[in-house]
């Protein structure tokens, strides 16, 4: 069977702690969500599903013209697994793996995305999790058969915990995998760090 990876980009959050839609906040001159999409498309993934929720109008405008499938999570109170479940309803059924990406992790470098897809081709049955100094981060690449278990009510953490023998940690020289930007303080720190890197 030919291996192919689809991507689900989660961008449905309400950004309560940030106080404004963080999906479209700018870092290094472009919106968070654009950083994520640029990396996804750069590694050749063409089946891309974006899940929007709160601030859907503003975020949709930011990705207008991009070759994505857009799904809306209309529930005001929902969890990440709910958005993943909705995203999976639009993913190519022939996908061997699904890369779950978070729009509030814009500092992940392109090489990390590429390495996840490359290792999936060698180990298509493994859950691939990037690590930085032994700490796990995002994005995570799941075999399609395993991530489909969210349809039975499981969360991604539960899928990982129930399939520990199928988890493969990948060392990444990429602090961005850990950088979850949720608050103005997070944003200011991330902006200073990214500016210092040039």
N, C-alpha and C. Protein backbone atom coordinates (compact mmCIF):
# COMPACT_ATOMS: atom_id res chain seq x y z
N UNK A 1 0.84 -1.19 0.00
CA UNK A 1 0.00 0.00 0.00
C UNK A 1 0.88 1.24 0.00
N UNK A 2 0.55 2.19 -0.86
CA UNK A 2 1.29 3.45 -0.90
C UNK A 2 1.01 4.24 0.38
N UNK A 3 2.05 4.84 0.92
CA UNK A 3 1.91 5.61 2.14
C UNK A 3 1.65 7.08 1.81
N UNK A 4 0.71 7.66 2.51
CA UNK A 4 0.43 9.08 2.32
C UNK A 4 -0.02 9.67 3.65
N UNK A 5 0.40 10.90 3.89
CA UNK A 5 0.09 11.57 5.15
C UNK A 5 -0.88 12.72 4.88
N UNK A 6 -1.93 12.77 5.67
CA UNK A 6 -2.83 13.91 5.69
C UNK A 6 -2.51 14.74 6.93
N UNK A 7 -2.99 15.96 6.97
CA UNK A 7 -2.76 16.82 8.14
C UNK A 7 -4.07 17.43 8.60
N UNK A 8 -4.21 17.50 9.92
CA UNK A 8 -5.32 18.23 10.53
C UNK A 8 -4.70 19.35 11.35
N UNK A 9 -5.06 20.57 11.03
CA UNK A 9 -4.57 21.73 11.75
C UNK A 9 -5.70 22.25 12.64
N UNK A 10 -5.47 22.20 13.94
CA UNK A 10 -6.48 22.59 14.91
C UNK A 10 -6.37 24.09 15.20
N UNK A 11 -7.43 24.81 14.88
CA UNK A 11 -7.43 26.26 15.04
C UNK A 11 -8.78 26.75 15.55
N UNK A 12 -9.40 25.95 16.42
CA UNK A 12 -10.76 26.25 16.88
C UNK A 12 -10.80 26.90 18.25
N UNK A 13 -9.63 27.12 18.87
CA UNK A 13 -9.60 27.61 20.24
C UNK A 13 -10.18 29.01 20.40
N UNK A 14 -10.65 29.30 21.61
CA UNK A 14 -11.29 30.59 21.88
C UNK A 14 -10.28 31.66 22.30
N UNK A 15 -9.05 31.26 22.61
CA UNK A 15 -7.99 32.22 22.97
C UNK A 15 -8.37 33.07 24.17
N UNK A 16 -9.04 32.48 25.14
CA UNK A 16 -9.51 33.25 26.30
C UNK A 16 -8.35 33.90 27.06
N UNK A 17 -7.27 33.14 27.28
CA UNK A 17 -6.16 33.69 28.05
C UNK A 17 -5.36 34.73 27.27
N UNK A 18 -5.42 34.66 25.96
CA UNK A 18 -4.69 35.63 25.14
C UNK A 18 -5.46 36.94 25.03
N UNK A 19 -6.79 36.86 25.01
CA UNK A 19 -7.59 38.06 24.90
C UNK A 19 -7.83 38.52 23.47
N UNK A 20 -7.32 37.79 22.50
CA UNK A 20 -7.54 38.06 21.08
C UNK A 20 -7.26 36.77 20.31
N UNK A 21 -7.73 36.67 19.06
CA UNK A 21 -7.54 35.42 18.32
C UNK A 21 -6.05 35.14 18.05
N UNK A 22 -5.49 34.20 18.79
CA UNK A 22 -4.06 33.97 18.65
C UNK A 22 -3.72 33.30 17.31
N UNK A 23 -4.70 32.64 16.69
CA UNK A 23 -4.44 31.98 15.41
C UNK A 23 -3.93 32.96 14.35
N UNK A 24 -4.34 34.24 14.49
CA UNK A 24 -3.96 35.21 13.47
C UNK A 24 -3.01 36.27 14.01
N UNK A 25 -2.52 36.08 15.23
CA UNK A 25 -1.49 36.98 15.73
C UNK A 25 -0.21 36.77 14.92
N UNK A 26 0.57 37.80 14.80
CA UNK A 26 1.77 37.74 13.95
C UNK A 26 3.02 37.44 14.75
N UNK A 27 3.84 36.58 14.18
CA UNK A 27 5.19 36.36 14.70
C UNK A 27 6.11 36.16 13.50
N UNK A 28 7.23 36.83 13.52
CA UNK A 28 8.14 36.83 12.37
C UNK A 28 7.44 37.27 11.08
N UNK A 29 6.49 38.19 11.24
CA UNK A 29 5.88 38.82 10.08
C UNK A 29 4.69 38.12 9.46
N UNK A 30 4.22 37.03 10.07
CA UNK A 30 3.01 36.40 9.52
C UNK A 30 2.22 35.70 10.62
N UNK A 31 0.94 35.43 10.36
CA UNK A 31 0.08 34.84 11.39
C UNK A 31 0.55 33.45 11.81
N UNK A 32 0.24 33.12 13.07
CA UNK A 32 0.58 31.79 13.59
C UNK A 32 0.14 30.71 12.60
N UNK A 33 -1.13 30.80 12.18
CA UNK A 33 -1.69 29.73 11.36
C UNK A 33 -0.96 29.61 10.02
N UNK A 34 -0.45 30.72 9.51
CA UNK A 34 0.28 30.68 8.25
C UNK A 34 1.62 29.97 8.40
N UNK A 35 2.28 30.15 9.53
CA UNK A 35 3.52 29.41 9.78
C UNK A 35 3.26 27.91 9.65
N UNK A 36 2.20 27.46 10.32
CA UNK A 36 1.88 26.02 10.32
C UNK A 36 1.56 25.53 8.91
N UNK A 37 0.71 26.24 8.20
CA UNK A 37 0.33 25.81 6.86
C UNK A 37 1.51 25.83 5.90
N UNK A 38 2.36 26.83 6.01
CA UNK A 38 3.52 26.90 5.12
C UNK A 38 4.39 25.66 5.28
N UNK A 39 4.62 25.24 6.51
CA UNK A 39 5.44 24.05 6.75
C UNK A 39 4.76 22.79 6.22
N UNK A 40 3.45 22.69 6.45
CA UNK A 40 2.71 21.51 5.99
C UNK A 40 2.79 21.37 4.47
N UNK A 41 2.53 22.46 3.76
CA UNK A 41 2.57 22.40 2.30
C UNK A 41 3.99 22.22 1.78
N UNK A 42 4.98 22.77 2.49
CA UNK A 42 6.37 22.68 2.03
C UNK A 42 6.88 21.25 1.99
N UNK A 43 6.31 20.38 2.84
CA UNK A 43 6.78 18.98 2.85
C UNK A 43 5.92 18.10 1.96
N UNK A 44 5.06 18.71 1.17
CA UNK A 44 4.33 17.94 0.16
C UNK A 44 3.00 17.37 0.58
N UNK A 45 2.52 17.71 1.78
CA UNK A 45 1.19 17.24 2.18
C UNK A 45 0.14 18.07 1.45
N UNK A 46 -0.75 17.39 0.78
CA UNK A 46 -1.77 18.08 0.00
C UNK A 46 -3.18 17.90 0.57
N UNK A 47 -3.36 16.90 1.39
CA UNK A 47 -4.68 16.70 2.02
C UNK A 47 -4.62 17.35 3.41
N UNK A 48 -5.09 18.59 3.49
CA UNK A 48 -4.97 19.40 4.70
C UNK A 48 -6.36 19.84 5.14
N UNK A 49 -6.71 19.50 6.37
CA UNK A 49 -8.00 19.89 6.95
C UNK A 49 -7.73 20.88 8.07
N UNK A 50 -8.38 22.02 8.02
CA UNK A 50 -8.27 23.03 9.08
C UNK A 50 -9.59 23.07 9.84
N UNK A 51 -9.51 22.93 11.15
CA UNK A 51 -10.72 22.96 11.99
C UNK A 51 -10.80 24.32 12.68
N UNK A 52 -11.85 25.06 12.36
CA UNK A 52 -12.07 26.38 12.94
C UNK A 52 -13.24 26.34 13.91
N UNK A 53 -13.23 27.28 14.84
CA UNK A 53 -14.32 27.36 15.80
C UNK A 53 -14.56 28.80 16.17
N UNK A 54 -14.11 29.20 17.35
CA UNK A 54 -14.20 30.60 17.75
C UNK A 54 -13.37 31.45 16.79
N UNK A 55 -13.79 32.67 16.58
CA UNK A 55 -13.09 33.61 15.69
C UNK A 55 -13.01 33.08 14.26
N UNK A 56 -13.98 32.26 13.89
CA UNK A 56 -13.90 31.56 12.60
C UNK A 56 -13.81 32.52 11.42
N UNK A 57 -14.53 33.66 11.50
CA UNK A 57 -14.51 34.59 10.37
C UNK A 57 -13.12 35.18 10.15
N UNK A 58 -12.50 35.62 11.25
CA UNK A 58 -11.18 36.23 11.13
C UNK A 58 -10.13 35.23 10.67
N UNK A 59 -10.20 34.03 11.23
CA UNK A 59 -9.20 33.01 10.88
C UNK A 59 -9.41 32.53 9.45
N UNK A 60 -10.68 32.38 9.06
CA UNK A 60 -10.96 31.95 7.69
C UNK A 60 -10.40 32.95 6.68
N UNK A 61 -10.53 34.23 6.97
CA UNK A 61 -9.98 35.25 6.08
C UNK A 61 -8.47 35.12 5.94
N UNK A 62 -7.81 34.71 7.03
CA UNK A 62 -6.35 34.59 7.02
C UNK A 62 -5.87 33.43 6.15
N UNK A 63 -6.74 32.44 5.94
CA UNK A 63 -6.32 31.28 5.14
C UNK A 63 -7.04 31.23 3.80
N UNK A 64 -7.78 32.26 3.49
CA UNK A 64 -8.52 32.29 2.22
C UNK A 64 -7.56 32.09 1.05
N UNK A 65 -7.97 31.25 0.12
CA UNK A 65 -7.15 30.97 -1.05
C UNK A 65 -6.20 29.81 -0.88
N UNK A 66 -6.07 29.32 0.34
CA UNK A 66 -5.21 28.16 0.57
C UNK A 66 -5.96 26.89 0.18
N UNK A 67 -5.25 25.90 -0.39
CA UNK A 67 -5.93 24.67 -0.80
C UNK A 67 -6.18 23.74 0.39
N UNK A 68 -7.09 24.16 1.26
CA UNK A 68 -7.42 23.37 2.44
C UNK A 68 -8.90 23.01 2.45
N UNK A 69 -9.22 22.00 3.22
CA UNK A 69 -10.61 21.72 3.54
C UNK A 69 -10.87 22.35 4.91
N UNK A 70 -11.94 23.08 5.03
CA UNK A 70 -12.25 23.76 6.29
C UNK A 70 -13.49 23.13 6.92
N UNK A 71 -13.33 22.76 8.19
CA UNK A 71 -14.41 22.18 8.97
C UNK A 71 -14.66 23.11 10.16
N UNK A 72 -15.93 23.26 10.53
CA UNK A 72 -16.25 24.14 11.66
C UNK A 72 -16.69 23.33 12.87
N UNK A 73 -16.09 23.63 14.00
CA UNK A 73 -16.52 23.08 15.28
C UNK A 73 -17.42 24.14 15.92
N UNK A 74 -18.71 23.88 15.89
CA UNK A 74 -19.68 24.88 16.34
C UNK A 74 -19.89 24.85 17.84
N UNK A 75 -19.39 23.83 18.52
CA UNK A 75 -19.63 23.71 19.96
C UNK A 75 -18.79 24.75 20.72
N UNK A 76 -19.44 25.50 21.60
CA UNK A 76 -18.72 26.51 22.37
C UNK A 76 -17.82 25.86 23.43
N UNK A 77 -18.27 24.77 23.98
CA UNK A 77 -17.48 24.05 24.98
C UNK A 77 -17.10 22.69 24.40
N UNK A 78 -15.89 22.57 23.91
CA UNK A 78 -15.46 21.30 23.34
C UNK A 78 -13.99 21.10 23.64
N UNK A 79 -13.52 19.89 23.44
CA UNK A 79 -12.14 19.54 23.71
C UNK A 79 -11.40 19.31 22.40
N UNK A 80 -10.08 19.21 22.50
CA UNK A 80 -9.27 19.01 21.31
C UNK A 80 -9.70 17.76 20.55
N UNK A 81 -10.04 16.71 21.28
CA UNK A 81 -10.44 15.46 20.63
C UNK A 81 -11.68 15.65 19.76
N UNK A 82 -12.56 16.56 20.18
CA UNK A 82 -13.76 16.83 19.38
C UNK A 82 -13.39 17.43 18.03
N UNK A 83 -12.42 18.35 18.04
CA UNK A 83 -11.98 18.95 16.78
C UNK A 83 -11.24 17.92 15.92
N UNK A 84 -10.45 17.06 16.54
CA UNK A 84 -9.79 16.00 15.78
C UNK A 84 -10.82 15.09 15.13
N UNK A 85 -11.85 14.75 15.90
CA UNK A 85 -12.90 13.88 15.38
C UNK A 85 -13.57 14.52 14.16
N UNK A 86 -13.84 15.80 14.23
CA UNK A 86 -14.45 16.49 13.10
C UNK A 86 -13.49 16.54 11.92
N UNK A 87 -12.22 16.80 12.19
CA UNK A 87 -11.24 16.84 11.12
C UNK A 87 -11.10 15.52 10.40
N UNK A 88 -11.16 14.43 11.16
CA UNK A 88 -11.02 13.11 10.56
C UNK A 88 -12.15 12.80 9.59
N UNK A 89 -13.30 13.43 9.80
CA UNK A 89 -14.42 13.17 8.90
C UNK A 89 -14.14 13.66 7.49
N UNK A 90 -13.13 14.54 7.34
CA UNK A 90 -12.82 15.10 6.02
C UNK A 90 -11.48 14.63 5.47
N UNK A 91 -10.75 13.83 6.25
CA UNK A 91 -9.44 13.36 5.82
C UNK A 91 -9.59 12.29 4.74
N UNK A 92 -8.65 12.27 3.82
CA UNK A 92 -8.61 11.25 2.77
C UNK A 92 -8.64 9.86 3.40
N UNK A 93 -9.59 9.04 3.00
CA UNK A 93 -9.73 7.70 3.58
C UNK A 93 -8.53 6.82 3.28
N UNK A 94 -7.77 7.15 2.26
CA UNK A 94 -6.61 6.34 1.92
C UNK A 94 -5.34 6.74 2.64
N UNK A 95 -5.42 7.71 3.53
CA UNK A 95 -4.22 8.16 4.25
C UNK A 95 -3.69 7.05 5.15
N UNK A 96 -2.37 6.91 5.19
CA UNK A 96 -1.76 5.94 6.10
C UNK A 96 -1.45 6.58 7.44
N UNK A 97 -1.29 7.91 7.46
CA UNK A 97 -1.01 8.60 8.70
C UNK A 97 -1.66 9.97 8.71
N UNK A 98 -1.85 10.49 9.91
CA UNK A 98 -2.45 11.82 10.06
C UNK A 98 -1.59 12.64 11.00
N UNK A 99 -1.12 13.77 10.50
CA UNK A 99 -0.30 14.69 11.29
C UNK A 99 -1.24 15.67 11.98
N UNK A 100 -1.23 15.64 13.31
CA UNK A 100 -2.08 16.53 14.09
C UNK A 100 -1.25 17.75 14.49
N UNK A 101 -1.64 18.91 13.99
CA UNK A 101 -0.88 20.15 14.19
C UNK A 101 -1.72 21.14 14.98
N UNK A 102 -1.04 21.97 15.77
CA UNK A 102 -1.72 22.98 16.59
C UNK A 102 -1.33 24.37 16.11
N UNK A 103 -2.33 25.22 15.90
CA UNK A 103 -2.04 26.54 15.36
C UNK A 103 -1.35 27.45 16.37
N UNK A 104 -1.35 27.07 17.65
CA UNK A 104 -0.66 27.91 18.63
C UNK A 104 0.78 27.45 18.89
N UNK A 105 1.32 26.65 17.95
CA UNK A 105 2.72 26.24 17.97
C UNK A 105 3.41 26.71 16.69
N UNK A 106 3.49 28.02 16.46
CA UNK A 106 4.02 28.52 15.19
C UNK A 106 5.54 28.46 15.06
N UNK A 107 6.23 28.15 16.15
CA UNK A 107 7.69 28.19 16.12
C UNK A 107 8.34 26.84 15.79
N UNK A 108 7.52 25.82 15.56
CA UNK A 108 8.07 24.54 15.11
C UNK A 108 8.76 24.75 13.77
N UNK A 109 9.96 24.20 13.61
CA UNK A 109 10.70 24.42 12.37
C UNK A 109 10.29 23.40 11.31
N UNK A 110 10.52 23.77 10.07
CA UNK A 110 10.11 22.91 8.95
C UNK A 110 10.76 21.55 8.97
N UNK A 111 12.01 21.47 9.44
CA UNK A 111 12.71 20.20 9.47
C UNK A 111 12.00 19.17 10.35
N UNK A 112 11.34 19.65 11.41
CA UNK A 112 10.63 18.72 12.29
C UNK A 112 9.45 18.10 11.57
N UNK A 113 8.69 18.91 10.84
CA UNK A 113 7.58 18.37 10.04
C UNK A 113 8.11 17.34 9.04
N UNK A 114 9.19 17.69 8.36
CA UNK A 114 9.74 16.80 7.34
C UNK A 114 10.19 15.47 7.95
N UNK A 115 10.83 15.55 9.10
CA UNK A 115 11.35 14.33 9.71
C UNK A 115 10.22 13.40 10.14
N UNK A 116 9.16 13.95 10.65
CA UNK A 116 8.02 13.12 11.04
C UNK A 116 7.48 12.34 9.84
N UNK A 117 7.33 13.02 8.72
CA UNK A 117 6.81 12.35 7.52
C UNK A 117 7.81 11.32 7.00
N UNK A 118 9.10 11.66 7.02
CA UNK A 118 10.12 10.71 6.55
C UNK A 118 10.14 9.45 7.41
N UNK A 119 10.06 9.60 8.72
CA UNK A 119 10.08 8.44 9.61
C UNK A 119 8.80 7.63 9.49
N UNK A 120 7.68 8.30 9.20
CA UNK A 120 6.43 7.56 8.99
C UNK A 120 6.58 6.59 7.83
N UNK A 121 7.32 6.97 6.81
CA UNK A 121 7.50 6.07 5.66
C UNK A 121 8.28 4.83 6.06
N UNK A 122 9.13 4.95 7.08
CA UNK A 122 9.90 3.80 7.55
C UNK A 122 9.15 3.00 8.62
N UNK A 123 8.32 3.69 9.40
CA UNK A 123 7.60 3.06 10.52
C UNK A 123 6.14 3.50 10.49
N UNK A 124 5.38 3.04 9.50
CA UNK A 124 4.01 3.55 9.33
C UNK A 124 3.05 3.15 10.44
N UNK A 125 3.42 2.18 11.28
CA UNK A 125 2.54 1.74 12.36
C UNK A 125 2.84 2.42 13.69
N UNK A 126 3.77 3.36 13.70
CA UNK A 126 4.19 3.99 14.94
C UNK A 126 3.53 5.36 15.12
N UNK A 127 3.26 5.70 16.38
CA UNK A 127 2.89 7.06 16.75
C UNK A 127 4.19 7.83 16.92
N UNK A 128 4.38 8.87 16.15
CA UNK A 128 5.64 9.60 16.13
C UNK A 128 5.49 10.92 16.88
N UNK A 129 6.31 11.08 17.93
CA UNK A 129 6.22 12.26 18.78
C UNK A 129 7.59 12.93 18.86
N UNK A 130 7.70 14.20 18.45
CA UNK A 130 8.99 14.88 18.55
C UNK A 130 9.30 15.22 20.01
N UNK A 131 10.57 15.15 20.36
CA UNK A 131 10.99 15.49 21.71
C UNK A 131 12.14 16.49 21.67
N UNK A 132 12.17 17.35 22.67
CA UNK A 132 13.28 18.28 22.84
C UNK A 132 13.77 18.15 24.28
N UNK A 133 15.00 17.70 24.42
CA UNK A 133 15.58 17.45 25.74
C UNK A 133 14.66 16.55 26.57
N UNK A 134 14.19 15.49 25.92
CA UNK A 134 13.38 14.42 26.51
C UNK A 134 11.96 14.86 26.87
N UNK A 135 11.55 16.05 26.42
CA UNK A 135 10.18 16.50 26.64
C UNK A 135 9.40 16.40 25.33
N UNK A 136 8.25 15.78 25.39
CA UNK A 136 7.43 15.59 24.20
C UNK A 136 6.69 16.86 23.82
N UNK A 137 6.53 17.05 22.50
CA UNK A 137 5.84 18.23 22.01
C UNK A 137 4.93 17.93 20.84
N UNK A 138 4.72 18.92 20.01
CA UNK A 138 3.83 18.84 18.85
C UNK A 138 4.56 19.37 17.61
N UNK A 139 4.11 18.92 16.43
CA UNK A 139 2.96 18.07 16.09
C UNK A 139 3.24 16.58 16.31
N UNK A 140 2.19 15.79 16.29
CA UNK A 140 2.30 14.34 16.46
C UNK A 140 1.70 13.67 15.23
N UNK A 141 2.39 12.63 14.75
CA UNK A 141 1.90 11.90 13.58
C UNK A 141 1.40 10.53 14.03
N UNK A 142 0.13 10.30 13.80
CA UNK A 142 -0.52 9.04 14.18
C UNK A 142 -0.77 8.17 12.95
N UNK A 143 -0.61 6.85 13.09
CA UNK A 143 -1.16 5.97 12.05
C UNK A 143 -2.67 6.20 11.95
N UNK A 144 -3.20 6.19 10.77
CA UNK A 144 -4.63 6.47 10.60
C UNK A 144 -5.49 5.52 11.42
N UNK A 145 -5.10 4.25 11.47
CA UNK A 145 -5.91 3.27 12.19
C UNK A 145 -6.00 3.58 13.68
N UNK A 146 -4.95 4.18 14.23
CA UNK A 146 -4.96 4.50 15.66
C UNK A 146 -5.69 5.80 15.95
N UNK A 147 -5.44 6.84 15.16
CA UNK A 147 -6.10 8.11 15.44
C UNK A 147 -7.61 8.00 15.22
N UNK A 148 -8.04 7.05 14.38
CA UNK A 148 -9.47 6.83 14.19
C UNK A 148 -10.17 6.43 15.49
N UNK A 149 -9.39 6.02 16.50
CA UNK A 149 -9.99 5.62 17.78
C UNK A 149 -10.62 6.80 18.52
N UNK A 150 -10.32 8.02 18.11
CA UNK A 150 -11.02 9.16 18.73
C UNK A 150 -12.52 9.07 18.44
N UNK A 151 -12.86 8.35 17.38
CA UNK A 151 -14.26 8.18 17.04
C UNK A 151 -15.03 7.37 18.07
N UNK A 152 -14.31 6.59 18.88
CA UNK A 152 -14.95 5.80 19.93
C UNK A 152 -14.92 6.53 21.27
N UNK A 153 -14.53 7.80 21.25
CA UNK A 153 -14.57 8.60 22.47
C UNK A 153 -13.25 8.79 23.17
N UNK A 154 -12.17 8.24 22.62
CA UNK A 154 -10.87 8.38 23.27
C UNK A 154 -10.25 9.74 22.95
N UNK A 155 -9.41 10.24 23.87
CA UNK A 155 -8.59 11.41 23.61
C UNK A 155 -7.24 10.95 23.06
N UNK A 156 -6.51 11.86 22.46
CA UNK A 156 -5.21 11.50 21.90
C UNK A 156 -4.27 10.97 22.96
N UNK A 157 -4.29 11.58 24.16
CA UNK A 157 -3.44 11.09 25.24
C UNK A 157 -3.79 9.66 25.61
N UNK A 158 -5.07 9.33 25.61
CA UNK A 158 -5.48 7.95 25.92
C UNK A 158 -5.02 6.98 24.84
N UNK A 159 -5.07 7.41 23.59
CA UNK A 159 -4.59 6.54 22.50
C UNK A 159 -3.11 6.28 22.67
N UNK A 160 -2.35 7.31 23.00
CA UNK A 160 -0.91 7.14 23.22
C UNK A 160 -0.66 6.21 24.41
N UNK A 161 -1.39 6.42 25.51
CA UNK A 161 -1.18 5.61 26.71
C UNK A 161 -1.56 4.15 26.49
N UNK A 162 -2.55 3.90 25.65
CA UNK A 162 -3.00 2.52 25.40
C UNK A 162 -2.16 1.81 24.35
N UNK A 163 -1.29 2.55 23.69
CA UNK A 163 -0.47 1.97 22.62
C UNK A 163 1.00 2.34 22.82
N UNK A 164 1.48 2.20 24.05
CA UNK A 164 2.85 2.62 24.35
C UNK A 164 3.89 1.87 23.52
N UNK A 165 3.58 0.62 23.16
CA UNK A 165 4.52 -0.14 22.35
C UNK A 165 4.64 0.36 20.92
N UNK A 166 3.69 1.19 20.51
CA UNK A 166 3.70 1.73 19.16
C UNK A 166 4.19 3.18 19.12
N UNK A 167 4.65 3.70 20.25
CA UNK A 167 5.11 5.09 20.30
C UNK A 167 6.61 5.15 20.01
N UNK A 168 6.98 6.06 19.14
CA UNK A 168 8.39 6.28 18.82
C UNK A 168 8.69 7.76 19.03
N UNK A 169 9.54 8.05 20.03
CA UNK A 169 9.97 9.42 20.27
C UNK A 169 11.10 9.78 19.31
N UNK A 170 11.01 10.97 18.74
CA UNK A 170 12.03 11.44 17.80
C UNK A 170 12.74 12.66 18.38
N UNK A 171 14.02 12.52 18.63
CA UNK A 171 14.79 13.67 19.11
C UNK A 171 14.78 14.76 18.06
N UNK A 172 14.46 15.98 18.49
CA UNK A 172 14.42 17.12 17.57
C UNK A 172 15.16 18.29 18.20
N UNK A 173 16.05 18.88 17.45
CA UNK A 173 16.74 20.08 17.92
C UNK A 173 15.84 21.27 17.62
N UNK A 174 14.69 21.29 18.31
CA UNK A 174 13.63 22.23 17.95
C UNK A 174 12.82 22.56 19.20
N UNK A 175 13.19 23.64 19.86
CA UNK A 175 12.46 24.06 21.06
C UNK A 175 11.03 24.48 20.73
N UNK A 176 10.78 24.80 19.47
CA UNK A 176 9.45 25.23 19.06
C UNK A 176 8.37 24.20 19.29
N UNK A 177 8.74 22.92 19.36
CA UNK A 177 7.72 21.89 19.58
C UNK A 177 7.08 22.00 20.95
N UNK A 178 7.75 22.68 21.87
CA UNK A 178 7.25 22.82 23.24
C UNK A 178 6.55 24.16 23.46
N UNK A 179 6.66 25.07 22.51
CA UNK A 179 6.25 26.44 22.74
C UNK A 179 4.77 26.64 22.43
N UNK A 180 3.94 26.39 23.44
CA UNK A 180 2.50 26.57 23.35
C UNK A 180 2.19 28.01 23.75
N UNK A 181 1.79 28.83 22.80
CA UNK A 181 1.60 30.26 23.06
C UNK A 181 0.14 30.52 23.42
N UNK A 182 -0.11 30.65 24.73
CA UNK A 182 -1.48 30.80 25.23
C UNK A 182 -1.78 32.16 25.82
N UNK A 183 -0.76 32.86 26.31
CA UNK A 183 -0.97 34.11 27.04
C UNK A 183 -0.13 35.22 26.43
N UNK A 184 -0.43 36.48 26.75
CA UNK A 184 0.43 37.58 26.28
C UNK A 184 1.88 37.41 26.73
N UNK A 185 2.08 36.85 27.91
CA UNK A 185 3.44 36.62 28.39
C UNK A 185 4.15 35.58 27.53
N UNK A 186 3.42 34.51 27.17
CA UNK A 186 3.98 33.50 26.27
C UNK A 186 4.38 34.14 24.94
N UNK A 187 3.48 34.98 24.43
CA UNK A 187 3.72 35.61 23.14
C UNK A 187 4.95 36.51 23.18
N UNK A 188 5.04 37.32 24.22
CA UNK A 188 6.19 38.23 24.33
C UNK A 188 7.49 37.46 24.42
N UNK A 189 7.49 36.36 25.19
CA UNK A 189 8.70 35.54 25.32
C UNK A 189 9.06 34.89 23.98
N UNK A 190 8.04 34.35 23.30
CA UNK A 190 8.28 33.70 22.00
C UNK A 190 8.78 34.71 20.98
N UNK A 191 8.21 35.91 21.01
CA UNK A 191 8.64 36.94 20.05
C UNK A 191 10.10 37.33 20.30
N UNK A 192 10.47 37.50 21.56
CA UNK A 192 11.86 37.84 21.87
C UNK A 192 12.80 36.73 21.44
N UNK A 193 12.39 35.49 21.69
CA UNK A 193 13.23 34.33 21.35
C UNK A 193 13.41 34.21 19.85
N UNK A 194 12.32 34.34 19.10
CA UNK A 194 12.39 34.19 17.64
C UNK A 194 13.19 35.34 17.02
N UNK A 195 13.06 36.53 17.60
CA UNK A 195 13.82 37.68 17.09
C UNK A 195 15.31 37.49 17.35
N UNK A 196 15.64 36.94 18.51
CA UNK A 196 17.04 36.71 18.84
C UNK A 196 17.69 35.69 17.90
N UNK A 197 16.87 34.72 17.46
CA UNK A 197 17.37 33.70 16.53
C UNK A 197 17.59 34.27 15.14
N UNK A 198 16.94 35.39 14.87
CA UNK A 198 17.08 36.01 13.56
C UNK A 198 16.16 35.41 12.55
